[in-house]
Amino acid sequence: MAVYKIALALTAFAVLTNAQRPFYAGLRPIGYPALATESISNRFGETADVPIEVRGDGNLINRLDQLPAANQPFWYLNWRFYDAQRKNPQTYPQRPSSFAGN
């Protein structure tokens, strides 16, 4: 009788642990998907370094550059600022951890 109780307990344990993940979710753990080998940095096919609001209009960039900074649109000023930040990111050195050093 004890063998049946142990077998029943192990079966219940196996059923409960497998029930935590549905069968249609696959066998791999859920996480980040595998990345494609191609780069996705240029999704729109434009190679010029212009904001998305311009949509390839070079004359608009020239006109905006001629305006004083007080009259330039806010999205253009933001784009220039964030573009400069992306080209020269500010990084800080990490402090070594006293816990991970051992």
C-alpha atoms as a PDB file:
ATOM      1  CA  MET A   1       0.000   0.000   0.000  1.00  0.00           C
ATOM      2  CA  ALA A   2       2.894   2.335   0.755  1.00  0.00           C
ATOM      3  CA  VAL A   3       4.251   1.804  -2.759  1.00  0.00           C
ATOM      4  CA  TYR A   4       0.950   2.998  -4.224  1.00  0.00           C
ATOM      5  CA  LYS A   5       0.986   6.104  -2.042  1.00  0.00           C
ATOM      6  CA  ILE A   6       4.545   6.956  -3.107  1.00  0.00           C
ATOM      7  CA  ALA A   7       3.725   6.353  -6.769  1.00  0.00           C
ATOM      8  CA  LEU A   8       0.601   8.493  -6.459  1.00  0.00           C
ATOM      9  CA  ALA A   9       2.571  11.271  -4.770  1.00  0.00           C
ATOM     10  CA  LEU A  10       5.274  11.216  -7.494  1.00  0.00           C
ATOM     11  CA  THR A  11       2.640  11.204 -10.238  1.00  0.00           C
ATOM     12  CA  ALA A  12       0.820  14.130  -8.625  1.00  0.00           C
ATOM     13  CA  PHE A  13       4.123  15.992  -8.305  1.00  0.00           C
ATOM     14  CA  ALA A  14       4.958  15.385 -11.987  1.00  0.00           C
ATOM     15  CA  VAL A  15       1.489  16.476 -13.104  1.00  0.00           C
ATOM     16  CA  LEU A  16       1.576  19.643 -11.008  1.00  0.00           C
ATOM     17  CA  THR A  17       5.043  20.666 -12.174  1.00  0.00           C
ATOM     18  CA  ASN A  18       4.155  20.090 -15.835  1.00  0.00           C
ATOM     19  CA  ALA A  19       0.907  21.997 -15.408  1.00  0.00           C
ATOM     20  CA  GLN A  20       2.823  25.172 -14.667  1.00  0.00           C
ATOM     21  CA  ARG A  21       3.514  25.647 -18.386  1.00  0.00           C
ATOM     22  CA  PRO A  22       0.901  24.870 -21.044  1.00  0.00           C
ATOM     23  CA  PHE A  23       1.803  22.353 -23.725  1.00  0.00           C
ATOM     24  CA  TYR A  24       1.285  24.861 -26.556  1.00  0.00           C
ATOM     25  CA  ALA A  25       3.896  27.279 -25.143  1.00  0.00           C
ATOM     26  CA  GLY A  26       6.765  25.075 -26.270  1.00  0.00           C
ATOM     27  CA  LEU A  27       9.568  23.453 -24.387  1.00  0.00           C
ATOM     28  CA  ARG A  28      12.065  26.328 -24.362  1.00  0.00           C
ATOM     29  CA  PRO A  29      11.968  28.889 -21.562  1.00  0.00           C
ATOM     30  CA  ILE A  30      10.354  32.212 -22.344  1.00  0.00           C
ATOM     31  CA  GLY A  31      12.871  35.011 -22.794  1.00  0.00           C
ATOM     32  CA  TYR A  32      14.290  37.227 -25.457  1.00  0.00           C
ATOM     33  CA  PRO A  33      13.804  35.931 -28.988  1.00  0.00           C
ATOM     34  CA  ALA A  34      16.781  35.006 -31.105  1.00  0.00           C
ATOM     35  CA  LEU A  35      18.040  38.035 -33.016  1.00  0.00           C
ATOM     36  CA  ALA A  36      18.362  38.086 -36.761  1.00  0.00           C
ATOM     37  CA  THR A  37      21.860  38.451 -38.160  1.00  0.00           C
ATOM     38  CA  GLU A  38      21.018  41.506 -40.225  1.00  0.00           C
ATOM     39  CA  SER A  39      21.107  44.953 -38.722  1.00  0.00           C
ATOM     40  CA  ILE A  40      17.830  46.745 -38.110  1.00  0.00           C
ATOM     41  CA  SER A  41      19.303  50.213 -37.609  1.00  0.00           C
ATOM     42  CA  ASN A  42      18.146  51.480 -41.012  1.00  0.00           C
ATOM     43  CA  ARG A  43      14.526  50.356 -41.265  1.00  0.00           C
ATOM     44  CA  PHE A  44      13.329  53.167 -43.506  1.00  0.00           C
ATOM     45  CA  GLY A  45      15.985  52.866 -46.224  1.00  0.00           C
ATOM     46  CA  GLU A  46      17.394  56.344 -45.673  1.00  0.00           C
ATOM     47  CA  THR A  47      21.121  56.732 -45.262  1.00  0.00           C
ATOM     48  CA  ALA A  48      21.172  60.466 -44.489  1.00  0.00           C
ATOM     49  CA  ASP A  49      21.595  61.597 -40.919  1.00  0.00           C
ATOM     50  CA  VAL A  50      18.288  63.466 -40.600  1.00  0.00           C
ATOM     51  CA  PRO A  51      15.366  63.262 -38.168  1.00  0.00           C
ATOM     52  CA  ILE A  52      12.337  61.170 -39.059  1.00  0.00           C
ATOM     53  CA  GLU A  53      10.125  64.272 -39.230  1.00  0.00           C
ATOM     54  CA  VAL A  54      12.012  65.518 -42.288  1.00  0.00           C
ATOM     55  CA  ARG A  55      11.279  62.364 -44.327  1.00  0.00           C
ATOM     56  CA  GLY A  56      14.148  62.953 -46.746  1.00  0.00           C
ATOM     57  CA  ASP A  57      13.530  66.676 -47.432  1.00  0.00           C
ATOM     58  CA  GLY A  58      17.016  68.190 -47.618  1.00  0.00           C
ATOM     59  CA  ASN A  59      15.687  71.691 -48.317  1.00  0.00           C
ATOM     60  CA  LEU A  60      13.851  71.680 -44.999  1.00  0.00           C
ATOM     61  CA  ILE A  61      17.092  70.915 -43.149  1.00  0.00           C
ATOM     62  CA  ASN A  62      18.853  73.748 -44.955  1.00  0.00           C
ATOM     63  CA  ARG A  63      16.039  76.174 -44.093  1.00  0.00           C
ATOM     64  CA  LEU A  64      16.000  75.095 -40.462  1.00  0.00           C
ATOM     65  CA  ASP A  65      19.767  75.504 -40.166  1.00  0.00           C
ATOM     66  CA  GLN A  66      19.498  79.081 -41.436  1.00  0.00           C
ATOM     67  CA  LEU A  67      16.978  80.037 -38.750  1.00  0.00           C
ATOM     68  CA  PRO A  68      18.215  81.334 -35.385  1.00  0.00           C
ATOM     69  CA  ALA A  69      18.069  78.782 -32.578  1.00  0.00           C
ATOM     70  CA  ALA A  70      15.165  80.615 -30.922  1.00  0.00           C
ATOM     71  CA  ASN A  71      13.015  80.132 -34.052  1.00  0.00           C
ATOM     72  CA  GLN A  72      13.913  76.538 -34.855  1.00  0.00           C
ATOM     73  CA  PRO A  73      11.234  73.946 -34.071  1.00  0.00           C
ATOM     74  CA  PHE A  74      11.544  72.059 -30.819  1.00  0.00           C
ATOM     75  CA  TRP A  75      11.666  68.627 -32.463  1.00  0.00           C
ATOM     76  CA  TYR A  76      14.668  69.751 -34.530  1.00  0.00           C
ATOM     77  CA  LEU A  77      16.531  71.062 -31.481  1.00  0.00           C
ATOM     78  CA  ASN A  78      15.759  67.852 -29.610  1.00  0.00           C
ATOM     79  CA  TRP A  79      16.978  65.763 -32.506  1.00  0.00           C
ATOM     80  CA  ARG A  80      20.278  67.654 -32.662  1.00  0.00           C
ATOM     81  CA  PHE A  81      20.782  67.331 -28.905  1.00  0.00           C
ATOM     82  CA  TYR A  82      20.001  63.599 -28.774  1.00  0.00           C
ATOM     83  CA  ASP A  83      22.086  62.927 -31.875  1.00  0.00           C
ATOM     84  CA  ALA A  84      25.066  64.597 -30.196  1.00  0.00           C
ATOM     85  CA  GLN A  85      24.420  62.528 -27.057  1.00  0.00           C
ATOM     86  CA  ARG A  86      24.314  59.288 -29.066  1.00  0.00           C
ATOM     87  CA  LYS A  87      27.610  60.096 -30.781  1.00  0.00           C
ATOM     88  CA  ASN A  88      29.373  60.906 -27.502  1.00  0.00           C
ATOM     89  CA  PRO A  89      27.720  58.969 -24.677  1.00  0.00           C
ATOM     90  CA  GLN A  90      28.603  59.769 -21.107  1.00  0.00           C
ATOM     91  CA  THR A  91      29.781  56.657 -19.311  1.00  0.00           C
ATOM     92  CA  TYR A  92      30.815  56.103 -15.747  1.00  0.00           C
ATOM     93  CA  PRO A  93      33.275  53.473 -14.503  1.00  0.00           C
ATOM     94  CA  GLN A  94      31.696  50.758 -12.424  1.00  0.00           C
ATOM     95  CA  ARG A  95      32.791  50.285  -8.889  1.00  0.00           C
ATOM     96  CA  PRO A  96      34.092  46.800  -8.198  1.00  0.00           C
ATOM     97  CA  SER A  97      31.745  44.786  -6.035  1.00  0.00           C
ATOM     98  CA  SER A  98      33.075  43.491  -2.762  1.00  0.00           C
ATOM     99  CA  PHE A  99      30.685  40.541  -3.036  1.00  0.00           C
ATOM    100  CA  ALA A 100      31.629  39.386  -6.545  1.00  0.00           C
ATOM    101  CA  GLY A 101      35.396  39.716  -6.093  1.00  0.00           C
ATOM    102  CA  ASN A 102      35.798  36.553  -4.075  1.00  0.00           C
END
